[in-house]
Structure formats: structure tokens, C-alpha cells
Amino acid sequence: MDRASLADFLRRRRETLRPQDVGLVVGPRRRTPGLRREEVAALTGMSTDYYIRLEQQRGPQPSDQMLSALARSLRLTVDERDHLYRLAGHNAPRRTFEDGHVAPALLRVLDRLEDTPAMILSALGETLVANSLATTIFGDRPALTGWDRFESYQWFTDPSTRDVYPPEYHDNHGRGLVASLRMAYGALGERSRADELVRLLSTRSDEFRELWDRHEVTHRFEDHKTLLHPQVGPIDVDCQLLFTQDQGQALLVLTPVPGSEAEEKIRLLAVLGHEEFSAP
């Protein structure tokens, strides 16, 4: 572990970022160039003291999970992420179509979406990052572990996860999930996580096996969705997907028609979600 170089790298990357680059509001009296140490710590999910010690060359060696979170918070490119790992005395993650490192370009767009639900998904439908409105509607998917982070796995193994959609939409949504998974499977091939997910679902869901045998392939089936929320009822939204160049990740944005009842409901959810997350 190269403590001096790691500390210098973290400090320089922190100072090059602006608060608005990571979705933070800039106060009128702010004088600090770049991000504050406590802001990086909060974005990463570590204590401020831990981060300060890293920049002071006296912190313990960060874990792989902590480095992954730091790379995301500091909006590192893949090359910069690999450099971070090596400075911290770890092997850089193997670069694959599904390595889970969130594209900084998608994060920058997500940071600016405060008034509409949005999330970043992997090619396999794993929820990598979600904004507060998406969390209010779908639950905190990024906080889940293992296969529960994957929508297709939840859809076919946990019936309660379907409650966010009207019953008449279930068949079509299931078809879309399987068709997207087949596209990812075609890109990743056998002995990949896609193959593992397909084998797992094939043993646990008759519905999945029937849909998989149809050989339907697409990124998505619907450009319009109706979402259900227990406090505000149905919400009609249009869906837009912004893909990275390699098609490995996508930003899903759910937007209501301006001036519609759905827009008012989403504004209400923003208040409800803030109150929920602020509650002790």
C-alpha cells in the first residue's frame, strides 16, 4: 500500500470535483475548492475520521468494497479506479462487461435528476444506484445483497415485489425482463453471471422457464408504465433508457407528463420520501 500516493490521489480527485458534480447543493458562503472531506465520506458511506486518516497517510488499508464505493463517490473512470486499487495495495478488478463499476457519465446525469425517479441498471438488471424518488417507489434496491439486487430474480422468486405494478401489467413486464436477460446472456455467454442467473431462475420458476423458451430478445418492451404506490395510488410515467457505449449499463428515467396528476403525485412522493428518510 502506497500511503503517500494514495493520500495525494484522493486529495487531488476530491479537489477537482464540484459539489454540483455529485448532486450537492452549493451554499452562498462556501469557500472550499472542490468537495469537503466530510462530503466524500458521506457519499462513500464511511466515517469522516476514517477518510481524513486516509488523506493523512495513517489510515488502515481500505477493503475492496470501500475502494469501490470511493471510486463511485469520486466519479473515477475505470482507469482511475484501477489506479486507486493498486495504490491501496489491491489487485485492480478484472474488467468485464459486468464488473459493476458505475459509469461516471451516467452518475453525473443521475445527480441532476432530483424531481423524477431514476436509477442506473447493469445489463443483467442489477440496480447499481437509485435516487431518492426511485427508492421511495421501488424500495432501497442498491442496499440489497446477492441476487436480490437483480429485478428479474426478485420478480420470479418473490411475488410481493410485483405490487409496484398493476396486475394486468405483470405478464408483459415479466416478458420484458426475460427478453432483456436473454440479450445480456447472448453478450456474456456461458459461465457468466448471466448464465448463473438463468440456471438459478430455471430451477425456481416455472413461469421463467416458459418465458425463456420463447427466445424473445429486446432491451425493453414498454415505453410507458403505471406504477402503484400505497400512499398516492397509480402513477403513469414514460420510460427513457440512456445506455453506455458498450451497452453494459443504462440510466432508467421515469417521467410524468408535465402538468398531469402523475406529476403532482411524484412531487408529493418527494416530500413523503424526505420525511421518511429524515425520521429517527
C-alpha atoms as a PDB file:
ATOM      1  CA  MET A   1       0.000   0.000   0.000  1.00  0.00           C
ATOM      2  CA  ASP A   2       1.472   3.329  -1.112  1.00  0.00           C
ATOM      3  CA  ARG A   3       0.039   5.590   1.602  1.00  0.00           C
ATOM      4  CA  ALA A   4       1.596   8.816   0.338  1.00  0.00           C
ATOM      5  CA  SER A   5       0.454   8.385  -3.257  1.00  0.00           C
ATOM      6  CA  LEU A   6      -2.982   7.175  -2.174  1.00  0.00           C
ATOM      7  CA  ALA A   7      -3.439  10.227   0.050  1.00  0.00           C
ATOM      8  CA  ASP A   8      -2.305  12.599  -2.694  1.00  0.00           C
ATOM      9  CA  PHE A   9      -4.534  10.926  -5.293  1.00  0.00           C
ATOM     10  CA  LEU A  10      -7.610  11.109  -3.066  1.00  0.00           C
ATOM     11  CA  ARG A  11      -6.975  14.745  -2.191  1.00  0.00           C
ATOM     12  CA  ARG A  12      -6.431  15.823  -5.780  1.00  0.00           C
ATOM     13  CA  ARG A  13      -9.509  13.985  -7.036  1.00  0.00           C
ATOM     14  CA  ARG A  14     -11.596  15.461  -4.221  1.00  0.00           C
ATOM     15  CA  GLU A  15     -10.445  18.995  -5.008  1.00  0.00           C
ATOM     16  CA  THR A  16     -11.232  18.692  -8.732  1.00  0.00           C
ATOM     17  CA  LEU A  17     -14.881  17.827  -8.102  1.00  0.00           C
ATOM     18  CA  ARG A  18     -17.524  20.482  -7.628  1.00  0.00           C
ATOM     19  CA  PRO A  19     -20.467  19.873  -5.289  1.00  0.00           C
ATOM     20  CA  GLN A  20     -22.873  20.029  -8.204  1.00  0.00           C
ATOM     21  CA  ASP A  21     -20.875  17.241  -9.894  1.00  0.00           C
ATOM     22  CA  VAL A  22     -22.127  14.843  -7.221  1.00  0.00           C
ATOM     23  CA  GLY A  23     -25.597  16.286  -6.736  1.00  0.00           C
ATOM     24  CA  LEU A  24     -24.859  18.518  -3.733  1.00  0.00           C
ATOM     25  CA  VAL A  25     -26.333  21.993  -3.256  1.00  0.00           C
ATOM     26  CA  VAL A  26     -23.786  24.821  -3.057  1.00  0.00           C
ATOM     27  CA  GLY A  27     -24.295  27.293  -0.222  1.00  0.00           C
ATOM     28  CA  PRO A  28     -23.687  31.043  -0.706  1.00  0.00           C
ATOM     29  CA  ARG A  29     -20.783  31.139   1.756  1.00  0.00           C
ATOM     30  CA  ARG A  30     -18.893  28.133   0.500  1.00  0.00           C
ATOM     31  CA  ARG A  31     -15.164  28.801   0.132  1.00  0.00           C
ATOM     32  CA  THR A  32     -13.715  25.286  -0.021  1.00  0.00           C
ATOM     33  CA  PRO A  33     -12.465  24.371  -3.516  1.00  0.00           C
ATOM     34  CA  GLY A  34     -13.850  21.032  -4.587  1.00  0.00           C
ATOM     35  CA  LEU A  35     -15.543  18.718  -2.117  1.00  0.00           C
ATOM     36  CA  ARG A  36     -15.059  18.726   1.630  1.00  0.00           C
ATOM     37  CA  ARG A  37     -13.668  15.618   3.288  1.00  0.00           C
ATOM     38  CA  GLU A  38     -16.890  15.037   5.193  1.00  0.00           C
ATOM     39  CA  GLU A  39     -18.847  15.191   1.921  1.00  0.00           C
ATOM     40  CA  VAL A  40     -16.710  12.480   0.334  1.00  0.00           C
ATOM     41  CA  ALA A  41     -17.070  10.383   3.486  1.00  0.00           C
ATOM     42  CA  ALA A  42     -20.856  10.753   3.456  1.00  0.00           C
ATOM     43  CA  LEU A  43     -21.103   9.884  -0.243  1.00  0.00           C
ATOM     44  CA  THR A  44     -18.918   6.826   0.315  1.00  0.00           C
ATOM     45  CA  GLY A  45     -20.629   5.585   3.445  1.00  0.00           C
ATOM     46  CA  MET A  46     -17.583   5.813   5.713  1.00  0.00           C
ATOM     47  CA  SER A  47     -16.868   7.910   8.779  1.00  0.00           C
ATOM     48  CA  THR A  48     -15.286  11.314   8.279  1.00  0.00           C
ATOM     49  CA  ASP A  49     -12.456  10.316  10.627  1.00  0.00           C
ATOM     50  CA  TYR A  50     -11.666   7.258   8.502  1.00  0.00           C
ATOM     51  CA  TYR A  51     -11.466   9.314   5.330  1.00  0.00           C
ATOM     52  CA  ILE A  52      -9.358  12.019   6.960  1.00  0.00           C
ATOM     53  CA  ARG A  53      -6.868   9.399   8.105  1.00  0.00           C
ATOM     54  CA  LEU A  54      -6.573   8.111   4.539  1.00  0.00           C
ATOM     55  CA  GLU A  55      -5.671  11.594   3.315  1.00  0.00           C
ATOM     56  CA  GLN A  56      -3.226  11.959   6.209  1.00  0.00           C
ATOM     57  CA  GLN A  57      -1.391   8.743   5.273  1.00  0.00           C
ATOM     58  CA  ARG A  58      -2.295   6.990   8.512  1.00  0.00           C
ATOM     59  CA  GLY A  59      -5.484   5.077   7.775  1.00  0.00           C
ATOM     60  CA  PRO A  60      -5.825   1.284   7.609  1.00  0.00           C
ATOM     61  CA  GLN A  61      -5.831  -0.442   4.240  1.00  0.00           C
ATOM     62  CA  PRO A  62      -9.268   0.038   2.647  1.00  0.00           C
ATOM     63  CA  SER A  63     -11.238  -3.054   1.681  1.00  0.00           C
ATOM     64  CA  ASP A  64     -12.302  -3.847  -1.883  1.00  0.00           C
ATOM     65  CA  GLN A  65     -15.831  -2.744  -1.011  1.00  0.00           C
ATOM     66  CA  MET A  66     -14.615   0.574   0.389  1.00  0.00           C
ATOM     67  CA  LEU A  67     -12.466   1.235  -2.670  1.00  0.00           C
ATOM     68  CA  SER A  68     -15.404   0.505  -4.956  1.00  0.00           C
ATOM     69  CA  ALA A  69     -17.524   2.998  -3.011  1.00  0.00           C
ATOM     70  CA  LEU A  70     -14.727   5.602  -3.090  1.00  0.00           C
ATOM     71  CA  ALA A  71     -14.322   5.190  -6.849  1.00  0.00           C
ATOM     72  CA  ARG A  72     -18.022   5.830  -7.281  1.00  0.00           C
ATOM     73  CA  SER A  73     -18.112   8.823  -4.924  1.00  0.00           C
ATOM     74  CA  LEU A  74     -15.125  10.457  -6.626  1.00  0.00           C
ATOM     75  CA  ARG A  75     -16.586   9.743 -10.081  1.00  0.00           C
ATOM     76  CA  LEU A  76     -13.455   7.873 -11.195  1.00  0.00           C
ATOM     77  CA  THR A  77     -13.083   6.469 -14.670  1.00  0.00           C
ATOM     78  CA  VAL A  78     -12.233   2.776 -14.988  1.00  0.00           C
ATOM     79  CA  ASP A  79      -8.538   3.625 -15.427  1.00  0.00           C
ATOM     80  CA  GLU A  80      -8.605   5.846 -12.344  1.00  0.00           C
ATOM     81  CA  ARG A  81     -10.439   3.176 -10.370  1.00  0.00           C
ATOM     82  CA  ASP A  82      -7.780   0.597 -11.234  1.00  0.00           C
ATOM     83  CA  HIS A  83      -5.070   3.069 -10.188  1.00  0.00           C
ATOM     84  CA  LEU A  84      -6.850   3.609  -6.860  1.00  0.00           C
ATOM     85  CA  TYR A  85      -6.919  -0.125  -6.176  1.00  0.00           C
ATOM     86  CA  ARG A  86      -3.215  -0.512  -6.895  1.00  0.00           C
ATOM     87  CA  LEU A  87      -2.241   2.431  -4.669  1.00  0.00           C
ATOM     88  CA  ALA A  88      -4.230   0.790  -1.874  1.00  0.00           C
ATOM     89  CA  GLY A  89      -2.349  -2.475  -2.320  1.00  0.00           C
ATOM     90  CA  HIS A  90      -5.118  -4.420  -4.092  1.00  0.00           C
ATOM     91  CA  ASN A  91      -5.284  -6.021  -7.498  1.00  0.00           C
ATOM     92  CA  ALA A  92      -7.441  -3.994  -9.864  1.00  0.00           C
ATOM     93  CA  PRO A  93     -10.819  -5.625 -10.569  1.00  0.00           C
ATOM     94  CA  ARG A  94     -10.958  -7.671 -13.735  1.00  0.00           C
ATOM     95  CA  ARG A  95     -12.528  -5.579 -16.458  1.00  0.00           C
ATOM     96  CA  THR A  96     -15.635  -7.245 -17.787  1.00  0.00           C
ATOM     97  CA  PHE A  97     -18.946  -6.296 -19.301  1.00  0.00           C
ATOM     98  CA  GLU A  98     -20.458  -6.725 -15.834  1.00  0.00           C
ATOM     99  CA  ASP A  99     -17.816  -5.599 -13.338  1.00  0.00           C
ATOM    100  CA  GLY A 100     -20.273  -3.263 -11.587  1.00  0.00           C
ATOM    101  CA  HIS A 101     -18.252  -0.041 -11.755  1.00  0.00           C
ATOM    102  CA  VAL A 102     -20.845   2.656 -12.420  1.00  0.00           C
ATOM    103  CA  ALA A 103     -20.140   4.813 -15.454  1.00  0.00           C
ATOM    104  CA  PRO A 104     -19.286   8.373 -14.268  1.00  0.00           C
ATOM    105  CA  ALA A 105     -21.206   9.892 -17.172  1.00  0.00           C
ATOM    106  CA  LEU A 106     -24.417   8.191 -16.035  1.00  0.00           C
ATOM    107  CA  LEU A 107     -23.784   9.241 -12.440  1.00  0.00           C
ATOM    108  CA  ARG A 108     -23.424  12.877 -13.494  1.00  0.00           C
ATOM    109  CA  VAL A 109     -26.824  12.756 -15.172  1.00  0.00           C
ATOM    110  CA  LEU A 110     -28.415  10.925 -12.228  1.00  0.00           C
ATOM    111  CA  ASP A 111     -27.078  13.552  -9.814  1.00  0.00           C
ATOM    112  CA  ARG A 112     -29.098  16.191 -11.641  1.00  0.00           C
ATOM    113  CA  LEU A 113     -32.379  14.273 -11.575  1.00  0.00           C
ATOM    114  CA  GLU A 114     -33.991  15.323  -8.321  1.00  0.00           C
ATOM    115  CA  ASP A 115     -37.613  15.686  -9.405  1.00  0.00           C
ATOM    116  CA  THR A 116     -38.188  12.354 -11.150  1.00  0.00           C
ATOM    117  CA  PRO A 117     -37.449   8.692 -10.316  1.00  0.00           C
ATOM    118  CA  ALA A 118     -34.221   7.411 -11.878  1.00  0.00           C
ATOM    119  CA  MET A 119     -31.796   4.546 -11.388  1.00  0.00           C
ATOM    120  CA  ILE A 120     -28.721   3.022 -13.008  1.00  0.00           C
ATOM    121  CA  LEU A 121     -29.003  -0.636 -14.003  1.00  0.00           C
ATOM    122  CA  SER A 122     -26.497  -3.203 -15.185  1.00  0.00           C
ATOM    123  CA  ALA A 123     -27.069  -5.255 -18.323  1.00  0.00           C
ATOM    124  CA  LEU A 124     -28.428  -8.001 -16.061  1.00  0.00           C
ATOM    125  CA  GLY A 125     -30.934  -5.692 -14.390  1.00  0.00           C
ATOM    126  CA  GLU A 126     -28.958  -5.190 -11.189  1.00  0.00           C
ATOM    127  CA  THR A 127     -29.837  -1.873  -9.546  1.00  0.00           C
ATOM    128  CA  LEU A 128     -26.473  -0.177  -9.019  1.00  0.00           C
ATOM    129  CA  VAL A 129     -27.598   3.303  -7.930  1.00  0.00           C
ATOM    130  CA  ALA A 130     -31.016   4.896  -7.393  1.00  0.00           C
ATOM    131  CA  ASN A 131     -32.098   8.401  -6.480  1.00  0.00           C
ATOM    132  CA  SER A 132     -34.382   9.117  -3.551  1.00  0.00           C
ATOM    133  CA  LEU A 133     -37.614   9.127  -5.578  1.00  0.00           C
ATOM    134  CA  ALA A 134     -36.840   5.747  -7.132  1.00  0.00           C
ATOM    135  CA  THR A 135     -36.077   4.405  -3.659  1.00  0.00           C
ATOM    136  CA  THR A 136     -39.388   5.747  -2.358  1.00  0.00           C
ATOM    137  CA  ILE A 137     -41.262   3.864  -5.093  1.00  0.00           C
ATOM    138  CA  PHE A 138     -39.246   0.673  -5.533  1.00  0.00           C
ATOM    139  CA  GLY A 139     -37.532   0.349  -2.162  1.00  0.00           C
ATOM    140  CA  ASP A 140     -33.811   0.591  -1.498  1.00  0.00           C
ATOM    141  CA  ARG A 141     -32.648  -1.939  -4.072  1.00  0.00           C
ATOM    142  CA  PRO A 142     -28.958  -0.893  -4.061  1.00  0.00           C
ATOM    143  CA  ALA A 143     -28.858  -1.727  -0.335  1.00  0.00           C
ATOM    144  CA  LEU A 144     -29.809  -5.350  -1.047  1.00  0.00           C
ATOM    145  CA  THR A 145     -27.203  -8.067  -1.438  1.00  0.00           C
ATOM    146  CA  GLY A 146     -26.647 -11.011  -3.737  1.00  0.00           C
ATOM    147  CA  TRP A 147     -29.246 -11.893  -6.334  1.00  0.00           C
ATOM    148  CA  ASP A 148     -31.889  -9.780  -4.550  1.00  0.00           C
ATOM    149  CA  ARG A 149     -30.315  -6.752  -6.253  1.00  0.00           C
ATOM    150  CA  PHE A 150     -31.471  -8.142  -9.616  1.00  0.00           C
ATOM    151  CA  GLU A 151     -35.023  -7.271 -10.643  1.00  0.00           C
ATOM    152  CA  SER A 152     -35.562 -10.446 -12.655  1.00  0.00           C
ATOM    153  CA  TYR A 153     -34.582 -12.608  -9.693  1.00  0.00           C
ATOM    154  CA  GLN A 154     -36.943 -10.767  -7.357  1.00  0.00           C
ATOM    155  CA  TRP A 155     -39.747 -10.772  -9.915  1.00  0.00           C
ATOM    156  CA  PHE A 156     -39.765 -14.541 -10.327  1.00  0.00           C
ATOM    157  CA  THR A 157     -38.964 -15.562  -6.751  1.00  0.00           C
ATOM    158  CA  ASP A 158     -40.751 -13.001  -4.550  1.00  0.00           C
ATOM    159  CA  PRO A 159     -44.375 -12.249  -5.570  1.00  0.00           C
ATOM    160  CA  SER A 160     -44.547  -9.229  -3.246  1.00  0.00           C
ATOM    161  CA  THR A 161     -42.128  -7.317  -5.480  1.00  0.00           C
ATOM    162  CA  ARG A 162     -44.804  -7.234  -8.203  1.00  0.00           C
ATOM    163  CA  ASP A 163     -47.054  -4.996  -6.109  1.00  0.00           C
ATOM    164  CA  VAL A 164     -45.471  -1.893  -7.624  1.00  0.00           C
ATOM    165  CA  TYR A 165     -47.209  -2.690 -10.958  1.00  0.00           C
ATOM    166  CA  PRO A 166     -50.921  -3.255 -11.724  1.00  0.00           C
ATOM    167  CA  PRO A 167     -51.804  -6.972 -12.133  1.00  0.00           C
ATOM    168  CA  GLU A 168     -52.706  -6.521 -15.807  1.00  0.00           C
ATOM    169  CA  TYR A 169     -49.128  -5.402 -16.489  1.00  0.00           C
ATOM    170  CA  HIS A 170     -47.406  -8.366 -14.836  1.00  0.00           C
ATOM    171  CA  ASP A 171     -47.296 -10.701 -17.850  1.00  0.00           C
ATOM    172  CA  ASN A 172     -45.806  -8.101 -20.164  1.00  0.00           C
ATOM    173  CA  HIS A 173     -43.281  -6.893 -17.598  1.00  0.00           C
ATOM    174  CA  GLY A 174     -42.113 -10.449 -16.953  1.00  0.00           C
ATOM    175  CA  ARG A 175     -41.651 -10.974 -20.686  1.00  0.00           C
ATOM    176  CA  GLY A 176     -39.592  -7.794 -20.895  1.00  0.00           C
ATOM    177  CA  LEU A 177     -37.319  -8.850 -18.039  1.00  0.00           C
ATOM    178  CA  VAL A 178     -36.640 -12.237 -19.610  1.00  0.00           C
ATOM    179  CA  ALA A 179     -36.101 -10.744 -23.076  1.00  0.00           C
ATOM    180  CA  SER A 180     -33.550  -8.285 -21.648  1.00  0.00           C
ATOM    181  CA  LEU A 181     -31.834 -11.091 -19.745  1.00  0.00           C
ATOM    182  CA  ARG A 182     -31.583 -13.145 -22.937  1.00  0.00           C
ATOM    183  CA  MET A 183     -29.899 -10.213 -24.674  1.00  0.00           C
ATOM    184  CA  ALA A 184     -27.363  -9.971 -21.843  1.00  0.00           C
ATOM    185  CA  TYR A 185     -26.869 -13.727 -21.931  1.00  0.00           C
ATOM    186  CA  GLY A 186     -26.060 -13.521 -25.647  1.00  0.00           C
ATOM    187  CA  ALA A 187     -23.397 -10.890 -24.964  1.00  0.00           C
ATOM    188  CA  LEU A 188     -21.850 -12.588 -21.917  1.00  0.00           C
ATOM    189  CA  GLY A 189     -22.216 -16.240 -22.878  1.00  0.00           C
ATOM    190  CA  GLU A 190     -21.837 -19.381 -20.814  1.00  0.00           C
ATOM    191  CA  ARG A 191     -20.042 -19.456 -17.468  1.00  0.00           C
ATOM    192  CA  SER A 192     -21.001 -15.827 -16.850  1.00  0.00           C
ATOM    193  CA  ARG A 193     -23.238 -14.287 -14.217  1.00  0.00           C
ATOM    194  CA  ALA A 194     -25.986 -14.194 -16.833  1.00  0.00           C
ATOM    195  CA  ASP A 195     -25.683 -17.948 -17.268  1.00  0.00           C
ATOM    196  CA  GLU A 196     -25.693 -18.427 -13.490  1.00  0.00           C
ATOM    197  CA  LEU A 197     -28.823 -16.294 -13.121  1.00  0.00           C
ATOM    198  CA  VAL A 198     -30.632 -18.168 -15.894  1.00  0.00           C
ATOM    199  CA  ARG A 199     -29.792 -21.536 -14.343  1.00  0.00           C
ATOM    200  CA  LEU A 200     -30.900 -20.345 -10.917  1.00  0.00           C
ATOM    201  CA  LEU A 201     -34.230 -18.980 -12.123  1.00  0.00           C
ATOM    202  CA  SER A 202     -34.849 -22.066 -14.249  1.00  0.00           C
ATOM    203  CA  THR A 203     -34.791 -24.186 -11.098  1.00  0.00           C
ATOM    204  CA  ARG A 204     -37.042 -21.851  -9.116  1.00  0.00           C
ATOM    205  CA  SER A 205     -39.707 -20.600 -11.500  1.00  0.00           C
ATOM    206  CA  ASP A 206     -41.910 -22.441 -13.988  1.00  0.00           C
ATOM    207  CA  GLU A 207     -43.019 -19.065 -15.339  1.00  0.00           C
ATOM    208  CA  PHE A 208     -39.430 -18.082 -16.050  1.00  0.00           C
ATOM    209  CA  ARG A 209     -38.689 -21.348 -17.878  1.00  0.00           C
ATOM    210  CA  GLU A 210     -41.728 -20.888 -20.104  1.00  0.00           C
ATOM    211  CA  LEU A 211     -40.742 -17.321 -20.985  1.00  0.00           C
ATOM    212  CA  TRP A 212     -37.085 -18.242 -21.523  1.00  0.00           C
ATOM    213  CA  ASP A 213     -38.098 -20.876 -24.055  1.00  0.00           C
ATOM    214  CA  ARG A 214     -39.791 -18.216 -26.191  1.00  0.00           C
ATOM    215  CA  HIS A 215     -36.375 -16.798 -27.177  1.00  0.00           C
ATOM    216  CA  GLU A 216     -37.628 -13.213 -27.167  1.00  0.00           C
ATOM    217  CA  VAL A 217     -34.806 -10.660 -27.228  1.00  0.00           C
ATOM    218  CA  THR A 218     -35.054  -6.928 -26.566  1.00  0.00           C
ATOM    219  CA  HIS A 219     -33.768  -4.176 -24.319  1.00  0.00           C
ATOM    220  CA  ARG A 220     -37.307  -3.256 -23.290  1.00  0.00           C
ATOM    221  CA  PHE A 221     -40.941  -3.886 -24.157  1.00  0.00           C
ATOM    222  CA  GLU A 222     -42.678  -0.775 -22.876  1.00  0.00           C
ATOM    223  CA  ASP A 223     -42.031   2.954 -23.115  1.00  0.00           C
ATOM    224  CA  HIS A 224     -44.883   3.615 -20.689  1.00  0.00           C
ATOM    225  CA  LYS A 225     -45.555   2.233 -17.225  1.00  0.00           C
ATOM    226  CA  THR A 226     -48.141   2.567 -14.491  1.00  0.00           C
ATOM    227  CA  LEU A 227     -46.606   2.355 -11.031  1.00  0.00           C
ATOM    228  CA  LEU A 228     -48.519   1.740  -7.808  1.00  0.00           C
ATOM    229  CA  HIS A 229     -47.670   3.369  -4.508  1.00  0.00           C
ATOM    230  CA  PRO A 230     -49.602   2.604  -1.307  1.00  0.00           C
ATOM    231  CA  GLN A 231     -49.858   6.281  -0.339  1.00  0.00           C
ATOM    232  CA  VAL A 232     -50.601   8.055  -3.628  1.00  0.00           C
ATOM    233  CA  GLY A 233     -52.036   5.289  -5.822  1.00  0.00           C
ATOM    234  CA  PRO A 234     -51.299   4.748  -9.555  1.00  0.00           C
ATOM    235  CA  ILE A 235     -48.653   6.906 -11.251  1.00  0.00           C
ATOM    236  CA  ASP A 236     -48.397   6.989 -15.062  1.00  0.00           C
ATOM    237  CA  VAL A 237     -44.866   7.572 -16.318  1.00  0.00           C
ATOM    238  CA  ASP A 238     -42.922   7.405 -19.555  1.00  0.00           C
ATOM    239  CA  CYS A 239     -39.630   5.476 -19.556  1.00  0.00           C
ATOM    240  CA  GLN A 240     -36.362   6.542 -21.120  1.00  0.00           C
ATOM    241  CA  LEU A 241     -33.170   4.494 -21.159  1.00  0.00           C
ATOM    242  CA  LEU A 242     -29.741   6.037 -21.690  1.00  0.00           C
ATOM    243  CA  PHE A 243     -27.116   3.350 -22.399  1.00  0.00           C
ATOM    244  CA  THR A 244     -23.359   3.492 -22.071  1.00  0.00           C
ATOM    245  CA  GLN A 245     -21.413   2.983 -25.270  1.00  0.00           C
ATOM    246  CA  ASP A 246     -20.768  -0.697 -24.542  1.00  0.00           C
ATOM    247  CA  GLN A 247     -24.427  -1.277 -23.580  1.00  0.00           C
ATOM    248  CA  GLY A 248     -23.223  -2.577 -20.212  1.00  0.00           C
ATOM    249  CA  GLN A 249     -25.214  -0.094 -18.100  1.00  0.00           C
ATOM    250  CA  ALA A 250     -28.267   2.069 -18.549  1.00  0.00           C
ATOM    251  CA  LEU A 251     -29.835   5.047 -16.823  1.00  0.00           C
ATOM    252  CA  LEU A 252     -33.590   4.483 -16.469  1.00  0.00           C
ATOM    253  CA  VAL A 253     -35.595   7.695 -16.076  1.00  0.00           C
ATOM    254  CA  LEU A 254     -39.324   7.646 -15.304  1.00  0.00           C
ATOM    255  CA  THR A 255     -41.038  10.925 -16.209  1.00  0.00           C
ATOM    256  CA  PRO A 256     -44.685  12.002 -15.834  1.00  0.00           C
ATOM    257  CA  VAL A 257     -46.448  14.157 -18.379  1.00  0.00           C
ATOM    258  CA  PRO A 258     -45.961  17.824 -17.354  1.00  0.00           C
ATOM    259  CA  GLY A 259     -48.994  19.232 -15.593  1.00  0.00           C
ATOM    260  CA  SER A 260     -50.541  15.801 -15.098  1.00  0.00           C
ATOM    261  CA  GLU A 261     -51.908  14.219 -11.927  1.00  0.00           C
ATOM    262  CA  ALA A 262     -48.902  11.881 -12.011  1.00  0.00           C
ATOM    263  CA  GLU A 263     -46.539  14.846 -11.784  1.00  0.00           C
ATOM    264  CA  GLU A 264     -48.355  16.062  -8.670  1.00  0.00           C
ATOM    265  CA  LYS A 265     -48.129  12.597  -7.137  1.00  0.00           C
ATOM    266  CA  ILE A 266     -44.379  12.441  -7.734  1.00  0.00           C
ATOM    267  CA  ARG A 267     -43.973  15.848  -6.096  1.00  0.00           C
ATOM    268  CA  LEU A 268     -45.888  14.511  -3.107  1.00  0.00           C
ATOM    269  CA  LEU A 269     -43.688  11.403  -3.006  1.00  0.00           C
ATOM    270  CA  ALA A 270     -40.605  13.620  -2.912  1.00  0.00           C
ATOM    271  CA  VAL A 271     -41.954  15.188   0.289  1.00  0.00           C
ATOM    272  CA  LEU A 272     -43.031  11.856   1.753  1.00  0.00           C
ATOM    273  CA  GLY A 273     -39.687  10.287   0.965  1.00  0.00           C
ATOM    274  CA  HIS A 274     -37.770  13.162   2.555  1.00  0.00           C
ATOM    275  CA  GLU A 275     -39.877  12.894   5.707  1.00  0.00           C
ATOM    276  CA  GLU A 276     -39.359   9.133   5.833  1.00  0.00           C
ATOM    277  CA  PHE A 277     -35.564   9.319   5.453  1.00  0.00           C
ATOM    278  CA  SER A 278     -35.351  12.208   7.940  1.00  0.00           C
ATOM    279  CA  ALA A 279     -37.313  10.384  10.619  1.00  0.00           C
ATOM    280  CA  PRO A 280     -35.287   8.970  13.539  1.00  0.00           C
END
